[in-house]
Protein backbone atom coordinates (compact mmCIF):
# COMPACT_ATOMS: atom_id res chain seq x y z
CA MET A 1 4.28 -17.06 8.25
CA ASN A 2 4.94 -15.60 4.79
CA LEU A 3 1.34 -16.12 3.68
CA LEU A 4 0.06 -12.87 5.20
CA PRO A 5 2.80 -10.61 3.77
CA THR A 6 2.35 -12.27 0.37
CA LEU A 7 -1.41 -11.83 0.54
CA SER A 8 -1.24 -8.20 1.65
CA THR A 9 1.33 -7.43 -1.06
CA ALA A 10 -0.92 -9.08 -3.66
CA PHE A 11 -3.81 -6.83 -2.59
CA ILE A 12 -1.75 -3.67 -2.89
CA VAL A 13 -0.53 -4.73 -6.35
CA LEU A 14 -4.12 -5.50 -7.35
CA SER A 15 -5.13 -2.07 -6.08
CA ALA A 16 -2.47 -0.36 -8.21
CA ILE A 17 -3.49 -2.38 -11.29
CA LEU A 18 -7.12 -1.41 -10.73
CA VAL A 19 -6.15 2.26 -10.36
CA ALA A 20 -4.31 2.04 -13.71
CA ILE A 21 -7.38 0.44 -15.32
CA GLY A 22 -9.59 3.10 -13.75
CA TRP A 23 -7.34 5.82 -15.10
CA ARG A 24 -7.65 4.34 -18.60
CA LEU A 25 -11.42 4.04 -18.27
CA ILE A 26 -11.89 7.69 -17.33
CA ALA A 27 -9.56 8.74 -20.14
CA THR A 28 -11.93 6.98 -22.55
CA ASN A 29 -14.95 8.61 -20.84
CA LYS A 30 -16.31 5.36 -19.36
CA ARG A 31 -17.45 6.95 -16.10
CA ALA A 32 -19.61 4.14 -14.70
CA ALA A 33 -16.86 1.56 -15.27
CA HIS A 34 -14.28 3.98 -13.83
CA ARG A 35 -16.34 4.34 -10.65
CA LYS A 36 -16.72 0.57 -10.20
CA VAL A 37 -13.05 -0.15 -10.81
CA MET A 38 -11.89 2.62 -8.48
CA ILE A 39 -14.19 1.35 -5.73
CA ALA A 40 -12.69 -2.12 -6.26
CA ALA A 41 -9.21 -0.56 -6.03
CA ALA A 42 -10.18 1.11 -2.74
CA ILE A 43 -11.56 -2.17 -1.37
CA SER A 44 -8.35 -3.95 -2.39
CA ALA A 45 -6.29 -1.27 -0.62
CA LEU A 46 -8.51 -1.60 2.45
CA LEU A 47 -8.01 -5.38 2.48
CA PHE A 48 -4.26 -4.79 2.29
CA PHE A 49 -4.48 -2.41 5.25
CA ILE A 50 -6.59 -4.79 7.35
CA ILE A 51 -4.19 -7.70 6.74
CA TYR A 52 -1.12 -5.53 7.29
CA MET A 53 -2.38 -3.98 10.53
CA SER A 54 -3.67 -7.32 11.88
CA ARG A 55 -0.31 -8.90 11.20
CA THR A 56 1.53 -5.94 12.72
CA ILE A 57 -0.56 -5.93 15.89
CA PHE A 58 -0.78 -9.67 16.53
CA LEU A 59 2.34 -11.15 14.92
CA GLY A 60 4.60 -8.14 14.57
CA ASN A 61 6.85 -6.65 11.95
CA THR A 62 9.76 -8.49 10.44
CA SER A 63 13.11 -6.76 10.67
CA PHE A 64 15.58 -6.68 7.79
CA GLY A 65 17.51 -9.95 7.69
CA GLY A 66 20.03 -9.02 5.02
CA PRO A 67 23.65 -8.03 5.47
CA ASP A 68 24.34 -5.46 8.20
CA GLU A 69 26.11 -3.15 5.74
CA LEU A 70 22.84 -2.83 3.76
CA LYS A 71 20.58 -2.24 6.75
CA ILE A 72 20.94 1.56 6.72
CA TYR A 73 20.01 1.68 3.01
CA TYR A 74 17.03 -0.58 3.62
CA THR A 75 15.92 1.60 6.55
CA ILE A 76 16.13 4.78 4.45
CA PHE A 77 14.20 3.05 1.66
CA LEU A 78 11.60 1.82 4.15
CA ILE A 79 11.10 5.34 5.53
CA PHE A 80 10.63 6.58 1.94
CA HIS A 81 8.07 3.81 1.31
CA ILE A 82 6.18 4.54 4.55
CA THR A 83 6.06 8.24 3.66
CA LEU A 84 4.72 7.45 0.18
CA ALA A 85 2.19 4.94 1.53
CA THR A 86 0.89 7.31 4.19
CA THR A 87 0.67 10.19 1.74
CA GLY A 88 -0.99 7.94 -0.84
CA ALA A 89 -3.56 6.72 1.67
CA ILE A 90 -4.46 10.27 2.73
CA PHE A 91 -4.66 11.44 -0.87
CA GLY A 92 -6.71 8.33 -1.70
CA LEU A 93 -9.26 9.05 1.01
CA VAL A 94 -9.54 12.69 -0.07
CA THR A 95 -9.89 11.68 -3.73
CA LEU A 96 -12.62 9.17 -2.90
CA TYR A 97 -14.40 11.72 -0.71
CA LEU A 98 -14.37 14.29 -3.51
CA ALA A 99 -15.73 11.72 -5.97
CA PHE A 100 -18.56 10.62 -3.67
CA LYS A 101 -19.44 14.24 -2.89
CA ARG A 102 -19.54 14.84 -6.66
CA ASN A 103 -16.87 17.55 -6.46
CA ILE A 104 -15.58 16.41 -9.83
CA LYS A 105 -13.55 19.55 -10.56
CA LYS A 106 -11.30 18.98 -7.53
CA HIS A 107 -11.43 15.19 -7.99
CA ARG A 108 -10.02 15.59 -11.51
CA LYS A 109 -7.16 17.72 -10.20
CA ILE A 110 -6.13 15.50 -7.30
CA GLY A 111 -6.91 12.09 -8.89
CA PRO A 112 -3.86 11.88 -11.17
CA ILE A 113 -1.55 13.03 -8.35
CA THR A 114 -3.06 10.43 -6.05
CA SER A 115 -2.59 7.72 -8.66
CA ILE A 116 1.08 8.52 -9.19
CA ILE A 117 1.73 8.50 -5.44
CA TRP A 118 -0.19 5.21 -5.17
CA PHE A 119 1.86 3.61 -7.94
CA GLY A 120 5.06 4.68 -6.19
CA SER A 121 3.79 3.29 -2.92
CA ALA A 122 2.82 -0.03 -4.51
CA ILE A 123 6.15 -0.39 -6.31
CA THR A 124 8.20 0.42 -3.23
CA GLY A 125 5.94 -1.86 -1.16
CA VAL A 126 6.69 -4.77 -3.46
CA MET A 127 10.38 -3.96 -3.17
CA VAL A 128 10.15 -4.00 0.64
CA TYR A 129 8.43 -7.39 0.37
CA PHE A 130 11.27 -8.68 -1.83
CA PHE A 131 13.91 -7.36 0.59
CA LEU A 132 12.22 -9.03 3.56
CA TYR A 133 10.95 -12.32 2.14
CA VAL A 134 12.60 -13.09 -1.21
CA LEU A 135 16.14 -11.70 -1.45
CA TYR A 136 17.02 -12.31 2.21
CA ASP A 137 15.62 -14.36 5.03
CA GLY A 138 13.51 -12.16 7.25
CA GLY A 139 14.95 -11.01 10.54
CA GLU A 140 13.25 -11.19 13.92
CA THR A 141 9.49 -10.69 14.17
CA THR A 142 8.13 -9.23 17.39
CA SER A 143 4.44 -8.72 18.13
CA MET A 144 3.40 -5.17 18.93
CA LEU A 145 1.30 -6.57 21.78
CA LYS A 146 4.29 -8.50 23.10
CA ALA A 147 6.55 -5.48 22.76
CA ILE A 148 4.08 -3.20 24.58
CA PHE A 149 2.49 -5.51 27.15
CA GLY A 150 5.03 -8.34 27.43
CA PHE A 151 2.73 -11.15 26.24
């Protein structure tokens, strides 16, 4: 079932591309276009999250299927990615909140930091995808529901 991981990864890449476009638009003082593109980036990130969480809850997560001697490095990398992604999501929500509340002074300060974290999250997310589905065959996938409730 590689369709869902591929689709969710595509949405997070699209989100990062849109953030980069939005950054360029605001640098050229195209505020209305910046707003539209950044909203599209947020929607793309939300679609990623919905697909990712649905897959995690109903189908499960795929474990690393590569060589055992690389598993520890993959796990450390995955923890780094999860930390970046969580931080990026929190910063993203705060940045959007500041923009919608028209607190532009704070939005301008936190926006570039948020973008850099988001780019790092997207890049490491694509790398996790490659480790799990391209470079190596995925390991076991266990549903969260099955793991918790036994069905």
